[in-house]
PDB file of N, CA and C in Angstrom:
ATOM      1  N   UNK A   1     196.804 -67.125-102.581  1.00  0.00           N
ATOM      2  CA  UNK A   1     196.619 -66.209-101.476  1.00  0.00           C
ATOM      3  C   UNK A   1     197.995 -65.760-100.968  1.00  0.00           C
ATOM      4  N   UNK A   2     198.104 -64.567-100.502  1.00  0.00           N
ATOM      5  CA  UNK A   2     199.384 -64.097 -99.986  1.00  0.00           C
ATOM      6  C   UNK A   2     199.766 -64.844 -98.713  1.00  0.00           C
ATOM      7  N   UNK A   3     201.065 -64.908 -98.465  1.00  0.00           N
ATOM      8  CA  UNK A   3     201.558 -65.570 -97.252  1.00  0.00           C
ATOM      9  C   UNK A   3     202.041 -66.980 -97.540  1.00  0.00           C
ATOM     10  N   UNK A   4     202.512 -67.632 -96.487  1.00  0.00           N
ATOM     11  CA  UNK A   4     203.040 -68.990 -96.640  1.00  0.00           C
ATOM     12  C   UNK A   4     201.949 -69.984 -97.020  1.00  0.00           C
ATOM     13  N   UNK A   5     202.337 -70.946 -97.862  1.00  0.00           N
ATOM     14  CA  UNK A   5     201.429 -71.991 -98.315  1.00  0.00           C
ATOM     15  C   UNK A   5     201.615 -73.236 -97.451  1.00  0.00           C
ATOM     16  N   UNK A   6     200.594 -74.070 -97.384  1.00  0.00           N
ATOM     17  CA  UNK A   6     200.625 -75.291 -96.589  1.00  0.00           C
ATOM     18  C   UNK A   6     200.655 -76.494 -97.526  1.00  0.00           C
ATOM     19  N   UNK A   7     201.656 -77.355 -97.361  1.00  0.00           N
ATOM     20  CA  UNK A   7     201.801 -78.575 -98.142  1.00  0.00           C
ATOM     21  C   UNK A   7     201.785 -79.751 -97.180  1.00  0.00           C
ATOM     22  N   UNK A   8     200.998 -80.779 -97.489  1.00  0.00           N
ATOM     23  CA  UNK A   8     200.966 -81.984 -96.670  1.00  0.00           C
ATOM     24  C   UNK A   8     201.254 -83.179 -97.561  1.00  0.00           C
ATOM     25  N   UNK A   9     202.172 -84.034 -97.127  1.00  0.00           N
ATOM     26  CA  UNK A   9     202.563 -85.219 -97.880  1.00  0.00           C
ATOM     27  C   UNK A   9     201.890 -86.450 -97.283  1.00  0.00           C
ATOM     28  N   UNK A  10     201.205 -87.203 -98.128  1.00  0.00           N
ATOM     29  CA  UNK A  10     200.610 -88.478 -97.735  1.00  0.00           C
ATOM     30  C   UNK A  10     201.268 -89.554 -98.595  1.00  0.00           C
ATOM     31  N   UNK A  11     201.784 -90.603 -97.978  1.00  0.00           N
ATOM     32  CA  UNK A  11     202.457 -91.671 -98.700  1.00  0.00           C
ATOM     33  C   UNK A  11     201.580 -92.915 -98.677  1.00  0.00           C
ATOM     34  N   UNK A  12     201.246 -93.414 -99.852  1.00  0.00           N
ATOM     35  CA  UNK A  12     200.444 -94.625-100.031  1.00  0.00           C
ATOM     36  C   UNK A  12     199.145 -94.608 -99.233  1.00  0.00           C
ATOM     37  N   UNK A  13     198.271 -93.618 -99.450  1.00  0.00           N
ATOM     38  CA  UNK A  13     196.994 -93.602 -98.732  1.00  0.00           C
ATOM     39  C   UNK A  13     196.119 -94.785 -99.143  1.00  0.00           C
ATOM     40  N   UNK A  14     195.320 -95.267 -98.210  1.00  0.00           N
ATOM     41  CA  UNK A  14     194.450 -96.415 -98.459  1.00  0.00           C
ATOM     42  C   UNK A  14     193.152 -95.951 -99.118  1.00  0.00           C
ATOM     43  N   UNK A  15     192.818 -96.497-100.295  1.00  0.00           N
ATOM     44  CA  UNK A  15     191.580 -96.109-100.966  1.00  0.00           C
ATOM     45  C   UNK A  15     190.361 -96.365-100.084  1.00  0.00           C
ATOM     46  N   UNK A  16     189.422 -95.443-100.119  1.00  0.00           N
ATOM     47  CA  UNK A  16     188.174 -95.593 -99.397  1.00  0.00           C
ATOM     48  C   UNK A  16     188.232 -95.249 -97.922  1.00  0.00           C
ATOM     49  N   UNK A  17     189.398 -94.893 -97.416  1.00  0.00           N
ATOM     50  CA  UNK A  17     189.545 -94.558 -96.000  1.00  0.00           C
ATOM     51  C   UNK A  17     189.583 -93.038 -95.837  1.00  0.00           C
ATOM     52  N   UNK A  18     189.140 -92.540 -94.673  1.00  0.00           N
ATOM     53  CA  UNK A  18     189.229 -91.095 -94.435  1.00  0.00           C
ATOM     54  C   UNK A  18     190.683 -90.662 -94.297  1.00  0.00           C
ATOM     55  N   UNK A  19     190.906 -89.382 -94.443  1.00  0.00           N
ATOM     56  CA  UNK A  19     192.252 -88.846 -94.316  1.00  0.00           C
ATOM     57  C   UNK A  19     192.821 -89.045 -92.924  1.00  0.00           C
ATOM     58  N   UNK A  20     194.136 -89.238 -92.826  1.00  0.00           N
ATOM     59  CA  UNK A  20     194.756 -89.404 -91.521  1.00  0.00           C
ATOM     60  C   UNK A  20     194.699 -88.108 -90.715  1.00  0.00           C
ATOM     61  N   UNK A  21     194.810 -88.243 -89.396  1.00  0.00           N
ATOM     62  CA  UNK A  21     194.765 -87.070 -88.526  1.00  0.00           C
ATOM     63  C   UNK A  21     195.987 -86.184 -88.722  1.00  0.00           C
ATOM     64  N   UNK A  22     197.115 -86.773 -89.121  1.00  0.00           N
ATOM     65  CA  UNK A  22     198.341 -86.000 -89.324  1.00  0.00           C
ATOM     66  C   UNK A  22     199.017 -86.450 -90.601  1.00  0.00           C
ATOM     67  N   UNK A  23     199.920 -85.635 -91.070  1.00  0.00           N
ATOM     68  CA  UNK A  23     200.739 -85.951 -92.231  1.00  0.00           C
ATOM     69  C   UNK A  23     202.024 -85.153 -92.110  1.00  0.00           C
ATOM     70  N   UNK A  24     202.931 -85.324 -93.037  1.00  0.00           N
ATOM     71  CA  UNK A  24     204.154 -84.530 -93.055  1.00  0.00           C
ATOM     72  C   UNK A  24     203.800 -83.195 -93.690  1.00  0.00           C
ATOM     73  N   UNK A  25     203.951 -82.120 -92.932  1.00  0.00           N
ATOM     74  CA  UNK A  25     203.492 -80.808 -93.386  1.00  0.00           C
ATOM     75  C   UNK A  25     204.652 -79.825 -93.507  1.00  0.00           C
ATOM     76  N   UNK A  26     204.612 -79.013 -94.548  1.00  0.00           N
ATOM     77  CA  UNK A  26     205.578 -77.928 -94.749  1.00  0.00           C
ATOM     78  C   UNK A  26     204.777 -76.645 -94.895  1.00  0.00           C
ATOM     79  N   UNK A  27     205.168 -75.631 -94.151  1.00  0.00           N
ATOM     80  CA  UNK A  27     204.377 -74.393 -94.172  1.00  0.00           C
ATOM     81  C   UNK A  27     205.229 -73.130 -94.114  1.00  0.00           C
ATOM     82  N   UNK A  28     206.482 -73.203 -94.583  1.00  0.00           N
ATOM     83  CA  UNK A  28     207.346 -72.032 -94.474  1.00  0.00           C
ATOM     84  C   UNK A  28     207.760 -71.432 -95.820  1.00  0.00           C
ATOM     85  N   UNK A  29     206.953 -71.656 -96.858  1.00  0.00           N
ATOM     86  CA  UNK A  29     207.242 -71.101 -98.178  1.00  0.00           C
ATOM     87  C   UNK A  29     206.010 -70.440 -98.781  1.00  0.00           C
ATOM     88  N   UNK A  30     206.230 -69.359 -99.494  1.00  0.00           N
ATOM     89  CA  UNK A  30     205.180 -68.741-100.298  1.00  0.00           C
ATOM     90  C   UNK A  30     205.581 -68.988-101.744  1.00  0.00           C
ATOM     91  N   UNK A  31     204.974 -69.981-102.396  1.00  0.00           N
ATOM     92  CA  UNK A  31     205.453 -70.421-103.705  1.00  0.00           C
ATOM     93  C   UNK A  31     204.760 -69.766-104.895  1.00  0.00           C
ATOM     94  N   UNK A  32     203.762 -68.956-104.659  1.00  0.00           N
ATOM     95  CA  UNK A  32     203.018 -68.312-105.738  1.00  0.00           C
ATOM     96  C   UNK A  32     202.398 -69.375-106.639  1.00  0.00           C
ATOM     97  N   UNK A  33     202.752 -69.413-107.913  1.00  0.00           N
ATOM     98  CA  UNK A  33     202.178 -70.389-108.849  1.00  0.00           C
ATOM     99  C   UNK A  33     203.144 -71.534-109.068  1.00  0.00           C
ATOM    100  N   UNK A  34     202.676 -72.775-108.914  1.00  0.00           N
ATOM    101  CA  UNK A  34     203.495 -73.952-109.163  1.00  0.00           C
ATOM    102  C   UNK A  34     203.246 -74.391-110.598  1.00  0.00           C
ATOM    103  N   UNK A  35     204.313 -74.449-111.400  1.00  0.00           N
ATOM    104  CA  UNK A  35     204.174 -74.843-112.796  1.00  0.00           C
ATOM    105  C   UNK A  35     204.876 -76.157-113.099  1.00  0.00           C
ATOM    106  N   UNK A  36     205.702 -76.664-112.167  1.00  0.00           N
ATOM    107  CA  UNK A  36     206.369 -77.940-112.388  1.00  0.00           C
ATOM    108  C   UNK A  36     206.790 -78.524-111.049  1.00  0.00           C
ATOM    109  N   UNK A  37     207.138 -79.801-111.076  1.00  0.00           N
ATOM    110  CA  UNK A  37     207.555 -80.507-109.878  1.00  0.00           C
ATOM    111  C   UNK A  37     208.742 -81.380-110.251  1.00  0.00           C
ATOM    112  N   UNK A  38     209.816 -81.309-109.474  1.00  0.00           N
ATOM    113  CA  UNK A  38     211.004 -82.129-109.713  1.00  0.00           C
ATOM    114  C   UNK A  38     211.309 -82.929-108.468  1.00  0.00           C
ATOM    115  N   UNK A  39     211.753 -84.163-108.673  1.00  0.00           N
ATOM    116  CA  UNK A  39     212.134 -85.026-107.569  1.00  0.00           C
ATOM    117  C   UNK A  39     213.580 -85.446-107.808  1.00  0.00           C
ATOM    118  N   UNK A  40     214.405 -85.206-106.822  1.00  0.00           N
ATOM    119  CA  UNK A  40     215.816 -85.540-106.929  1.00  0.00           C
ATOM    120  C   UNK A  40     216.155 -86.638-105.939  1.00  0.00           C
ATOM    121  N   UNK A  41     216.938 -87.630-106.379  1.00  0.00           N
ATOM    122  CA  UNK A  41     217.403 -88.695-105.504  1.00  0.00           C
ATOM    123  C   UNK A  41     218.843 -88.460-105.112  1.00  0.00           C
ATOM    124  N   UNK A  42     219.245 -89.100-104.034  1.00  0.00           N
ATOM    125  CA  UNK A  42     220.619 -88.965-103.566  1.00  0.00           C
ATOM    126  C   UNK A  42     221.563 -89.708-104.499  1.00  0.00           C
ATOM    127  N   UNK A  43     221.188 -90.927-104.894  1.00  0.00           N
ATOM    128  CA  UNK A  43     222.025 -91.704-105.814  1.00  0.00           C
ATOM    129  C   UNK A  43     221.135 -92.395-106.831  1.00  0.00           C
ATOM    130  N   UNK A  44     221.725 -92.817-107.896  1.00  0.00           N
ATOM    131  CA  UNK A  44     220.974 -93.553-108.913  1.00  0.00           C
ATOM    132  C   UNK A  44     220.755 -95.004-108.514  1.00  0.00           C
ATOM    133  N   UNK A  45     221.424 -95.471-107.488  1.00  0.00           N
ATOM    134  CA  UNK A  45     221.313 -96.873-107.077  1.00  0.00           C
ATOM    135  C   UNK A  45     220.506 -97.035-105.799  1.00  0.00           C
ATOM    136  N   UNK A  46     219.694 -96.050-105.457  1.00  0.00           N
ATOM    137  CA  UNK A  46     218.955 -96.112-104.191  1.00  0.00           C
ATOM    138  C   UNK A  46     217.771 -97.060-104.247  1.00  0.00           C
ATOM    139  N   UNK A  47     217.357 -97.524-105.422  1.00  0.00           N
ATOM    140  CA  UNK A  47     216.256 -98.467-105.532  1.00  0.00           C
ATOM    141  C   UNK A  47     214.895 -97.844-105.290  1.00  0.00           C
ATOM    142  N   UNK A  48     214.754 -96.564-105.507  1.00  0.00           N
ATOM    143  CA  UNK A  48     213.492 -95.878-105.292  1.00  0.00           C
ATOM    144  C   UNK A  48     212.684 -95.895-106.581  1.00  0.00           C
ATOM    145  N   UNK A  49     211.390 -96.186-106.455  1.00  0.00           N
ATOM    146  CA  UNK A  49     210.492 -96.145-107.603  1.00  0.00           C
ATOM    147  C   UNK A  49     209.288 -95.272-107.246  1.00  0.00           C
ATOM    148  N   UNK A  50     208.899 -94.416-108.144  1.00  0.00           N
ATOM    149  CA  UNK A  50     207.736 -93.550-107.945  1.00  0.00           C
ATOM    150  C   UNK A  50     206.758 -93.878-109.058  1.00  0.00           C
ATOM    151  N   UNK A  51     205.540 -94.295-108.678  1.00  0.00           N
ATOM    152  CA  UNK A  51     204.597 -94.663-109.717  1.00  0.00           C
ATOM    153  C   UNK A  51     203.450 -93.684-109.871  1.00  0.00           C
ATOM    154  N   UNK A  52     203.160 -92.874-108.869  1.00  0.00           N
ATOM    155  CA  UNK A  52     202.095 -91.882-108.993  1.00  0.00           C
ATOM    156  C   UNK A  52     202.388 -90.682-108.100  1.00  0.00           C
ATOM    157  N   UNK A  53     202.133 -89.520-108.623  1.00  0.00           N
ATOM    158  CA  UNK A  53     202.174 -88.293-107.826  1.00  0.00           C
ATOM    159  C   UNK A  53     200.858 -87.596-108.096  1.00  0.00           C
ATOM    160  N   UNK A  54     200.135 -87.299-107.038  1.00  0.00           N
ATOM    161  CA  UNK A  54     198.848 -86.617-107.183  1.00  0.00           C
ATOM    162  C   UNK A  54     198.920 -85.303-106.419  1.00  0.00           C
ATOM    163  N   UNK A  55     198.477 -84.244-107.046  1.00  0.00           N
ATOM    164  CA  UNK A  55     198.486 -82.918-106.431  1.00  0.00           C
ATOM    165  C   UNK A  55     197.059 -82.413-106.405  1.00  0.00           C
ATOM    166  N   UNK A  56     196.617 -81.917-105.254  1.00  0.00           N
ATOM    167  CA  UNK A  56     195.263 -81.407-105.124  1.00  0.00           C
ATOM    168  C   UNK A  56     195.169 -80.422-103.991  1.00  0.00           C
ATOM    169  N   UNK A  57     193.990 -79.904-103.775  1.00  0.00           N
ATOM    170  CA  UNK A  57     193.777 -78.931-102.707  1.00  0.00           C
ATOM    171  C   UNK A  57     193.157 -79.553-101.463  1.00  0.00           C
ATOM    172  N   UNK A  58     192.854 -80.863-101.514  1.00  0.00           N
ATOM    173  CA  UNK A  58     192.308 -81.559-100.345  1.00  0.00           C
ATOM    174  C   UNK A  58     192.763 -83.010-100.374  1.00  0.00           C
ATOM    175  N   UNK A  59     192.599 -83.702 -99.265  1.00  0.00           N
ATOM    176  CA  UNK A  59     192.954 -85.129 -99.203  1.00  0.00           C
ATOM    177  C   UNK A  59     192.137 -85.922-100.225  1.00  0.00           C
ATOM    178  N   UNK A  60     190.865 -85.608-100.351  1.00  0.00           N
ATOM    179  CA  UNK A  60     190.000 -86.313-101.298  1.00  0.00           C
ATOM    180  C   UNK A  60     190.498 -86.174-102.740  1.00  0.00           C
ATOM    181  N   UNK A  61     191.170 -85.074-103.056  1.00  0.00           N
ATOM    182  CA  UNK A  61     191.710 -84.874-104.399  1.00  0.00           C
ATOM    183  C   UNK A  61     192.847 -85.838-104.726  1.00  0.00           C
ATOM    184  N   UNK A  62     193.558 -86.323-103.721  1.00  0.00           N
ATOM    185  CA  UNK A  62     194.765 -87.099-103.981  1.00  0.00           C
ATOM    186  C   UNK A  62     194.689 -88.563-103.582  1.00  0.00           C
ATOM    187  N   UNK A  63     193.682 -88.966-102.819  1.00  0.00           N
ATOM    188  CA  UNK A  63     193.582 -90.372-102.425  1.00  0.00           C
ATOM    189  C   UNK A  63     193.001 -91.179-103.584  1.00  0.00           C
ATOM    190  N   UNK A  64     193.550 -92.372-103.847  1.00  0.00           N
ATOM    191  CA  UNK A  64     192.987 -93.191-104.919  1.00  0.00           C
ATOM    192  C   UNK A  64     191.544 -93.572-104.611  1.00  0.00           C
ATOM    193  N   UNK A  65     190.758 -93.791-105.649  1.00  0.00           N
ATOM    194  CA  UNK A  65     189.370 -94.191-105.491  1.00  0.00           C
ATOM    195  C   UNK A  65     189.323 -95.704-105.306  1.00  0.00           C
ATOM    196  N   UNK A  66     188.587 -96.165-104.304  1.00  0.00           N
ATOM    197  CA  UNK A  66     188.452 -97.602-104.064  1.00  0.00           C
ATOM    198  C   UNK A  66     187.618 -98.218-105.184  1.00  0.00           C
ATOM    199  N   UNK A  67     188.078 -99.310-105.728  1.00  0.00           N
ATOM    200  CA  UNK A  67     187.333 -99.999-106.771  1.00  0.00           C
ATOM    201  C   UNK A  67     187.132-101.457-106.364  1.00  0.00           C
ATOM    202  N   UNK A  68     186.007-102.000-106.743  1.00  0.00           N
ATOM    203  CA  UNK A  68     185.730-103.409-106.463  1.00  0.00           C
ATOM    204  C   UNK A  68     186.457-104.266-107.489  1.00  0.00           C
ATOM    205  N   UNK A  69     186.962-105.423-107.067  1.00  0.00           N
ATOM    206  CA  UNK A  69     187.628-106.292-108.046  1.00  0.00           C
ATOM    207  C   UNK A  69     186.626-106.808-109.076  1.00  0.00           C
ATOM    208  N   UNK A  70     187.085-106.980-110.291  1.00  0.00           N
ATOM    209  CA  UNK A  70     186.227-107.491-111.352  1.00  0.00           C
ATOM    210  C   UNK A  70     185.973-108.977-111.147  1.00  0.00           C
ATOM    211  N   UNK A  71     184.751-109.379-111.346  1.00  0.00           N
ATOM    212  CA  UNK A  71     184.433-110.804-111.298  1.00  0.00           C
ATOM    213  C   UNK A  71     184.573-111.371-112.702  1.00  0.00           C
ATOM    214  N   UNK A  72     184.647-112.686-112.810  1.00  0.00           N
ATOM    215  CA  UNK A  72     184.749-113.326-114.115  1.00  0.00           C
ATOM    216  C   UNK A  72     183.523-113.003-114.969  1.00  0.00           C
ATOM    217  N   UNK A  73     182.341-112.973-114.348  1.00  0.00           N
ATOM    218  CA  UNK A  73     181.115-112.653-115.070  1.00  0.00           C
ATOM    219  C   UNK A  73     181.165-111.232-115.626  1.00  0.00           C
ATOM    220  N   UNK A  74     181.665-110.285-114.837  1.00  0.00           N
ATOM    221  CA  UNK A  74     181.786-108.902-115.303  1.00  0.00           C
ATOM    222  C   UNK A  74     182.726-108.815-116.496  1.00  0.00           C
ATOM    223  N   UNK A  75     183.827-109.546-116.435  1.00  0.00           N
ATOM    224  CA  UNK A  75     184.789-109.532-117.543  1.00  0.00           C
ATOM    225  C   UNK A  75     184.178-110.104-118.819  1.00  0.00           C
ATOM    226  N   UNK A  76     183.434-111.202-118.681  1.00  0.00           N
ATOM    227  CA  UNK A  76     182.796-111.819-119.858  1.00  0.00           C
ATOM    228  C   UNK A  76     181.720-110.893-120.433  1.00  0.00           C
ATOM    229  N   UNK A  77     180.885-110.304-119.555  1.00  0.00           N
ATOM    230  CA  UNK A  77     179.814-109.416-119.999  1.00  0.00           C
ATOM    231  C   UNK A  77     180.375-108.154-120.648  1.00  0.00           C
ATOM    232  N   UNK A  78     181.510-107.685-120.158  1.00  0.00           N
ATOM    233  CA  UNK A  78     182.111-106.476-120.692  1.00  0.00           C
ATOM    234  C   UNK A  78     182.988-106.737-121.898  1.00  0.00           C
ATOM    235  N   UNK A  79     183.215-107.985-122.218  1.00  0.00           N
ATOM    236  CA  UNK A  79     184.035-108.321-123.384  1.00  0.00           C
ATOM    237  C   UNK A  79     185.518-108.147-123.142  1.00  0.00           C
ATOM    238  N   UNK A  80     185.943-108.254-121.863  1.00  0.00           N
ATOM    239  CA  UNK A  80     187.382-108.107-121.595  1.00  0.00           C
ATOM    240  C   UNK A  80     188.135-109.377-121.868  1.00  0.00           C
TER     241      UNK A  80
END
């Protein structure tokens, strides 16, 4: 859509919980089509680790799905 786009950053959302009332939001860019994403660090020794990046059009698109822990019986029945 024409005009500025809205981006909201959620860090480590809790699976199975509703979206927070607020997040870190950026709304001063019109980016057109996004074809890639780059993350730059200040130094190589900052100790930062990124294990997942999820991009979606709603909070539900990016929050992890809550899963029940496997029981020993489930593992045996499933052949794990």
